Amino acid sequence: MIVPIFAGFLIFSFVIVIVMLRPKKAEKVMEKRLKVISVQSHHDEAETETIALAEKSSGGISDKLGKYLQRFDFSEDIELLILYAGSRATVGSVVFGSVMAAAAAGLMAHALVGALPMDFAAVVLGGSARWFMLKFQKGRRLKKFTVALPDAIELISRALRAGHSMASAIEIVAEQSVEPLASEFEIVYQQQKFGIPFREALLQLGQRIPSKDLHFLITAILVQKETGGDLTEILDRTTHVIRERVRIEGEIKTYTAQGRLTGWILAALPVIMLLIINVMSPGYSDILFHDPVGQELLYTGVGLITIGTLIIRKIVDIQV
């Protein structure tokens, strides 16, 4: 009983620390302004430019850990994931939280089950929980942006027909669109006010939002700026293409819904049945976790379930 109580107090303590160290409202406003005006050039293998995240300086453990992790390449991937998810977290807080969650999950699994495979699985799940949460936030934010983008393009087209400039049209989109599209176009408008070229502001928008539709729009606008032509007609055609792509993608998701549901059921059914059997008959599967042959069978089963899930996901994942 000591280990679960210790793990509970540990998790509670870190929750209190995170709540006490979160930035105040004034700090958040200042951070947002810094994100708009602080731009640095970063050349990687493809010589692309990325916008710099505002640097947090609260002096906590997570910030010190984040500064230390900047020397490693994976910190850039985590930073991009945080940027795509629209989260206020830092690299240090994500890594620190993942380590503590993995440790707490491992201690609880060892106290409840006491089997090495379950301990390892609990550590992996606890450590990757924050990563999955950021991936979920990224997908949800990207979906909201994609749904609202055609209406925003139509709004820009109508504003241009009414005689507004492109900068004014972007400001109208920032004021009348929904989140997260409004805040992203607000950043583009503020960057132009600070003297950043329109091309650079659009390219940075494409880096912050990994949307194929947005990249298609940015390409169309930049090509029109260089070659000329009727921008409103280009925007109308772009809107039509995006709407058709979204419609086709929705139809494909409908047709593949049965396959996705089958994959989830086949992956979750063995675990659910194991839990139900142990609840109805405690100790029934102890030999599976403690006997060497049972552990080998358990490893084999987990591997086969993982391979089957990946195969089904590959089949139903149709790109448009």
Protein backbone atom coordinates (compact mmCIF):
# COMPACT_ATOMS: atom_id res chain seq x y z
CA MET A 1 0.00 0.00 0.00
CA ILE A 2 2.97 2.34 0.48
CA VAL A 3 3.93 2.46 -3.21
CA PRO A 4 0.46 3.52 -4.54
CA ILE A 5 0.17 6.16 -1.80
CA PHE A 6 3.64 7.50 -2.62
CA ALA A 7 2.81 7.59 -6.34
CA GLY A 8 -0.44 9.44 -5.63
CA PHE A 9 1.29 12.07 -3.50
CA LEU A 10 4.00 12.41 -6.16
CA ILE A 11 1.49 13.10 -8.93
CA PHE A 12 -0.47 15.51 -6.70
CA SER A 13 2.70 17.42 -5.81
CA PHE A 14 3.72 17.91 -9.43
CA VAL A 15 0.22 19.06 -10.36
CA ILE A 16 0.43 21.71 -7.64
CA VAL A 17 3.87 22.82 -8.86
CA ILE A 18 2.69 23.09 -12.48
CA VAL A 19 -0.36 25.14 -11.45
CA MET A 20 1.75 27.49 -9.32
CA LEU A 21 4.37 28.03 -12.06
CA ARG A 22 2.00 28.64 -14.96
CA PRO A 23 2.40 32.08 -16.56
CA LYS A 24 0.13 34.95 -15.58
CA LYS A 25 -2.24 36.72 -17.97
CA ALA A 26 0.15 39.63 -18.53
CA GLU A 27 2.98 37.22 -19.28
CA LYS A 28 0.81 35.39 -21.81
CA VAL A 29 0.02 38.67 -23.61
CA MET A 30 3.70 39.60 -23.71
CA GLU A 31 4.56 36.10 -24.94
CA LYS A 32 2.05 36.40 -27.79
CA ARG A 33 3.57 39.72 -28.87
CA LEU A 34 7.06 38.24 -28.76
CA LYS A 35 5.93 35.37 -30.97
CA VAL A 36 4.75 37.86 -33.56
CA ILE A 37 7.85 40.03 -33.71
CA SER A 38 10.65 37.56 -32.87
CA VAL A 39 11.65 35.81 -36.08
CA GLN A 40 14.96 34.09 -36.65
CA SER A 41 16.41 32.23 -39.61
CA HIS A 42 17.16 28.56 -39.05
CA HIS A 43 18.72 26.56 -41.88
CA ASP A 44 18.43 22.77 -41.75
CA GLU A 45 19.17 20.21 -44.46
CA ALA A 46 16.43 21.62 -46.70
CA GLU A 47 17.48 25.24 -45.83
CA THR A 48 13.99 26.10 -44.64
CA GLU A 49 13.18 28.93 -42.26
CA THR A 50 11.22 28.44 -39.07
CA ILE A 51 9.70 30.97 -36.74
CA ALA A 52 11.22 31.05 -33.28
CA LEU A 53 9.10 30.28 -30.26
CA ALA A 54 9.06 32.86 -27.52
CA GLU A 55 11.56 31.93 -24.85
CA LYS A 56 10.14 31.22 -21.42
CA SER A 57 12.31 32.36 -18.53
CA SER A 58 10.49 31.38 -15.38
CA GLY A 59 13.61 29.60 -14.10
CA GLY A 60 11.81 26.36 -13.26
CA ILE A 61 13.04 22.81 -13.65
CA SER A 62 11.27 22.37 -16.99
CA ASP A 63 12.92 25.52 -18.42
CA LYS A 64 16.40 24.41 -17.35
CA LEU A 65 15.70 20.98 -18.84
CA GLY A 66 14.47 22.62 -22.07
CA LYS A 67 17.68 24.65 -22.40
CA TYR A 68 19.72 21.50 -21.88
CA LEU A 69 17.70 19.56 -24.49
CA GLN A 70 18.25 22.23 -27.16
CA ARG A 71 21.51 20.54 -28.10
CA PHE A 72 19.65 17.42 -29.23
CA ASP A 73 17.85 17.10 -32.57
CA PHE A 74 14.66 15.58 -31.18
CA SER A 75 13.94 18.81 -29.26
CA GLU A 76 13.20 20.54 -32.60
CA ASP A 77 10.64 17.85 -33.45
CA ILE A 78 8.94 18.31 -30.09
CA GLU A 79 9.00 22.09 -30.56
CA LEU A 80 7.34 21.80 -33.97
CA LEU A 81 4.70 19.44 -32.55
CA ILE A 82 3.94 21.96 -29.79
CA LEU A 83 3.71 24.73 -32.39
CA TYR A 84 1.38 22.69 -34.62
CA ALA A 85 -0.81 21.79 -31.63
CA GLY A 86 -1.16 25.44 -30.62
CA SER A 87 -0.09 24.55 -27.07
CA ARG A 88 1.60 26.85 -24.56
CA ALA A 89 3.83 24.05 -23.31
CA THR A 90 7.60 24.01 -23.66
CA VAL A 91 10.00 21.24 -24.66
CA GLY A 92 11.22 20.98 -21.09
CA SER A 93 7.73 20.73 -19.59
CA VAL A 94 6.71 18.05 -22.11
CA VAL A 95 9.80 15.92 -21.49
CA PHE A 96 9.69 16.44 -17.72
CA GLY A 97 5.99 15.62 -17.55
CA SER A 98 6.46 12.52 -19.71
CA VAL A 99 9.26 11.22 -17.48
CA MET A 100 7.24 11.75 -14.30
CA ALA A 101 4.13 10.17 -15.84
CA ALA A 102 6.16 7.16 -16.96
CA ALA A 103 7.65 6.75 -13.48
CA ALA A 104 4.26 7.07 -11.76
CA ALA A 105 2.59 4.63 -14.17
CA GLY A 106 5.41 2.11 -13.71
CA LEU A 107 5.20 2.28 -9.90
CA MET A 108 1.43 1.86 -9.93
CA ALA A 109 1.60 -1.09 -12.35
CA HIS A 110 4.30 -2.76 -10.24
CA ALA A 111 2.23 -2.28 -7.09
CA LEU A 112 -0.99 -3.61 -8.64
CA VAL A 113 0.31 -6.40 -10.93
CA GLY A 114 3.98 -6.91 -10.18
CA ALA A 115 4.81 -8.36 -13.61
CA LEU A 116 7.69 -7.03 -15.71
CA PRO A 117 5.74 -6.93 -19.04
CA MET A 118 2.93 -4.92 -17.46
CA ASP A 119 5.44 -2.59 -15.79
CA PHE A 120 7.15 -1.97 -19.12
CA ALA A 121 3.82 -1.39 -20.90
CA ALA A 122 2.71 1.04 -18.18
CA VAL A 123 5.98 2.99 -18.46
CA VAL A 124 5.63 3.23 -22.25
CA LEU A 125 1.99 4.32 -22.09
CA GLY A 126 2.59 6.82 -19.31
CA GLY A 127 5.61 8.32 -21.05
CA SER A 128 3.87 8.66 -24.40
CA ALA A 129 0.58 10.02 -23.04
CA ARG A 130 1.69 13.64 -23.41
CA TRP A 131 2.91 13.00 -26.96
CA PHE A 132 -0.42 11.44 -27.94
CA MET A 133 -2.23 14.39 -26.40
CA LEU A 134 -0.20 16.84 -28.50
CA LYS A 135 -0.83 14.76 -31.62
CA PHE A 136 -4.56 14.81 -30.84
CA GLN A 137 -4.51 18.59 -30.32
CA LYS A 138 -2.60 19.01 -33.58
CA GLY A 139 -5.13 16.94 -35.53
CA ARG A 140 -8.12 18.69 -33.98
CA ARG A 141 -6.63 22.14 -34.59
CA LEU A 142 -5.70 21.28 -38.17
CA LYS A 143 -9.19 19.95 -38.85
CA LYS A 144 -10.81 23.15 -37.55
CA PHE A 145 -8.46 25.23 -39.68
CA THR A 146 -9.16 23.18 -42.82
CA VAL A 147 -12.94 23.40 -42.37
CA ALA A 148 -12.85 27.20 -41.92
CA LEU A 149 -10.30 27.89 -44.68
CA PRO A 150 -12.69 27.89 -47.71
CA ASP A 151 -14.95 30.47 -46.07
CA ALA A 152 -11.92 32.61 -45.26
CA ILE A 153 -10.74 32.47 -48.88
CA GLU A 154 -14.18 33.54 -50.06
CA LEU A 155 -14.07 36.40 -47.56
CA ILE A 156 -10.71 37.54 -48.96
CA SER A 157 -12.07 37.33 -52.51
CA ARG A 158 -15.13 39.44 -51.65
CA ALA A 159 -12.96 41.99 -49.84
CA LEU A 160 -10.67 42.32 -52.88
CA ARG A 161 -13.68 42.79 -55.16
CA ALA A 162 -14.91 45.54 -52.84
CA GLY A 163 -11.65 47.43 -53.30
CA HIS A 164 -9.72 46.43 -50.19
CA SER A 165 -6.01 45.67 -50.28
CA MET A 166 -4.64 42.24 -49.47
CA ALA A 167 -3.47 43.42 -46.04
CA SER A 168 -6.91 44.81 -45.28
CA ALA A 169 -8.56 41.60 -46.48
CA ILE A 170 -6.35 39.55 -44.14
CA GLU A 171 -7.33 41.84 -41.28
CA ILE A 172 -11.00 41.25 -42.06
CA VAL A 173 -10.43 37.49 -42.00
CA ALA A 174 -8.65 37.80 -38.65
CA GLU A 175 -11.59 39.72 -37.21
CA GLN A 176 -14.49 37.66 -38.61
CA SER A 177 -13.20 34.08 -38.84
CA VAL A 178 -13.22 31.39 -36.17
CA GLU A 179 -10.28 29.99 -34.25
CA PRO A 180 -7.62 28.87 -34.91
CA LEU A 181 -7.77 30.53 -38.34
CA ALA A 182 -8.45 33.99 -36.90
CA SER A 183 -5.38 34.02 -34.64
CA GLU A 184 -3.08 32.73 -37.38
CA PHE A 185 -4.20 35.38 -39.88
CA GLU A 186 -3.92 37.97 -37.10
CA ILE A 187 -0.24 37.02 -36.77
CA VAL A 188 0.20 37.50 -40.54
CA TYR A 189 -1.42 40.93 -40.36
CA GLN A 190 0.68 41.99 -37.35
CA GLN A 191 3.86 40.79 -39.05
CA GLN A 192 3.11 43.02 -42.04
CA LYS A 193 2.59 45.97 -39.71
CA PHE A 194 6.01 45.31 -38.20
CA GLY A 195 7.59 45.45 -41.64
CA ILE A 196 7.96 41.77 -42.49
CA PRO A 197 7.44 41.17 -46.25
CA PHE A 198 4.12 39.69 -47.27
CA ARG A 199 5.81 36.68 -48.88
CA GLU A 200 7.75 35.92 -45.72
CA ALA A 201 4.64 36.22 -43.55
CA LEU A 202 2.74 33.77 -45.78
CA LEU A 203 5.62 31.27 -45.77
CA GLN A 204 5.77 31.40 -41.99
CA LEU A 205 2.02 30.82 -41.85
CA GLY A 206 2.53 27.68 -43.92
CA GLN A 207 5.23 26.53 -41.50
CA ARG A 208 2.98 27.02 -38.47
CA ILE A 209 0.03 25.17 -40.06
CA PRO A 210 0.93 21.89 -41.85
CA SER A 211 -2.13 22.00 -44.10
CA LYS A 212 -2.01 20.94 -47.75
CA ASP A 213 -4.91 23.23 -48.56
CA LEU A 214 -3.17 26.21 -46.99
CA HIS A 215 0.06 25.45 -48.85
CA PHE A 216 -1.94 25.29 -52.08
CA LEU A 217 -3.45 28.72 -51.29
CA ILE A 218 -0.08 30.26 -50.45
CA THR A 219 1.44 28.91 -53.65
CA ALA A 220 -1.43 30.31 -55.72
CA ILE A 221 -1.11 33.78 -54.14
CA LEU A 222 2.67 33.93 -54.51
CA VAL A 223 2.55 32.77 -58.13
CA GLN A 224 -0.06 35.43 -58.90
CA LYS A 225 2.15 38.07 -57.27
CA GLU A 226 5.02 37.14 -59.57
CA THR A 227 3.18 36.43 -62.83
CA GLY A 228 0.08 38.60 -62.52
CA GLY A 229 -3.54 37.74 -63.27
CA ASP A 230 -6.94 38.06 -61.64
CA LEU A 231 -6.38 37.17 -57.98
CA THR A 232 -10.09 36.96 -57.18
CA GLU A 233 -10.62 34.36 -59.91
CA ILE A 234 -7.63 32.38 -58.63
CA LEU A 235 -9.05 32.46 -55.10
CA ASP A 236 -12.46 31.29 -56.32
CA ARG A 237 -10.91 28.34 -58.14
CA THR A 238 -8.78 27.54 -55.12
CA THR A 239 -11.86 27.51 -52.91
CA HIS A 240 -13.62 25.14 -55.31
CA VAL A 241 -10.64 22.76 -55.34
CA ILE A 242 -10.37 22.76 -51.55
CA ARG A 243 -14.08 22.13 -51.07
CA GLU A 244 -14.01 19.24 -53.53
CA ARG A 245 -10.98 17.72 -51.82
CA VAL A 246 -12.66 17.98 -48.42
CA ARG A 247 -15.81 16.38 -49.84
CA ILE A 248 -13.90 13.48 -51.37
CA GLU A 249 -11.92 12.99 -48.17
CA GLY A 250 -15.16 12.83 -46.18
CA GLU A 251 -16.58 10.21 -48.53
CA ILE A 252 -13.42 8.11 -48.21
CA LYS A 253 -13.61 8.28 -44.41
CA THR A 254 -17.21 7.10 -44.61
CA TYR A 255 -16.29 4.15 -46.81
CA THR A 256 -13.35 3.16 -44.59
CA ALA A 257 -15.18 3.61 -41.27
CA GLN A 258 -15.90 -0.12 -41.01
CA GLY A 259 -12.24 -0.98 -41.50
CA ARG A 260 -11.10 1.50 -38.84
CA LEU A 261 -13.69 0.22 -36.40
CA THR A 262 -12.60 -3.36 -37.08
CA GLY A 263 -9.00 -2.43 -36.33
CA TRP A 264 -9.92 -0.81 -33.01
CA ILE A 265 -12.06 -3.79 -31.98
CA LEU A 266 -9.43 -6.39 -32.89
CA ALA A 267 -6.73 -4.44 -31.04
CA ALA A 268 -8.75 -3.75 -27.89
CA LEU A 269 -10.70 -7.02 -27.59
CA PRO A 270 -7.84 -9.19 -26.18
CA VAL A 271 -6.96 -6.57 -23.54
CA ILE A 272 -10.60 -6.06 -22.53
CA MET A 273 -11.23 -9.80 -22.31
CA LEU A 274 -8.10 -10.25 -20.17
CA LEU A 275 -9.31 -7.56 -17.76
CA ILE A 276 -12.83 -9.01 -17.58
CA ILE A 277 -11.53 -12.53 -16.92
CA ASN A 278 -9.25 -11.29 -14.12
CA VAL A 279 -12.09 -9.33 -12.54
CA MET A 280 -14.44 -12.31 -12.63
CA SER A 281 -11.73 -14.81 -11.60
CA PRO A 282 -8.85 -13.08 -9.79
CA GLY A 283 -5.46 -14.68 -10.37
CA TYR A 284 -6.63 -16.61 -13.43
CA SER A 285 -3.91 -15.19 -15.69
CA ASP A 286 -1.05 -15.02 -13.15
CA ILE A 287 0.79 -17.83 -14.91
CA LEU A 288 0.74 -15.78 -18.10
CA PHE A 289 2.77 -13.02 -16.45
CA HIS A 290 5.08 -15.03 -14.18
CA ASP A 291 5.83 -18.22 -16.12
CA PRO A 292 8.61 -17.82 -18.76
CA VAL A 293 6.52 -19.58 -21.43
CA GLY A 294 3.54 -17.40 -20.60
CA GLN A 295 5.65 -14.25 -20.89
CA GLU A 296 6.90 -15.33 -24.31
CA LEU A 297 3.31 -15.92 -25.42
CA LEU A 298 2.36 -12.51 -24.05
CA TYR A 299 5.18 -10.80 -25.96
CA THR A 300 4.19 -12.65 -29.13
CA GLY A 301 0.54 -11.68 -28.75
CA VAL A 302 1.37 -8.01 -28.20
CA GLY A 303 3.65 -8.03 -31.24
CA LEU A 304 1.04 -9.67 -33.48
CA ILE A 305 -1.66 -7.25 -32.31
CA THR A 306 0.64 -4.31 -33.05
CA ILE A 307 1.52 -5.61 -36.52
CA GLY A 308 -2.13 -6.27 -37.35
CA THR A 309 -3.16 -2.80 -36.18
CA LEU A 310 -0.48 -1.16 -38.33
CA ILE A 311 -1.50 -3.20 -41.39
CA ILE A 312 -5.18 -2.29 -41.01
CA ARG A 313 -4.25 1.37 -40.48
CA LYS A 314 -2.15 1.33 -43.64
CA ILE A 315 -5.03 -0.16 -45.63
CA VAL A 316 -7.64 2.38 -44.53
CA ASP A 317 -5.31 5.42 -44.64
CA ILE A 318 -6.06 6.70 -48.14
CA GLN A 319 -4.50 10.04 -49.02
CA VAL A 320 -6.46 12.50 -51.17
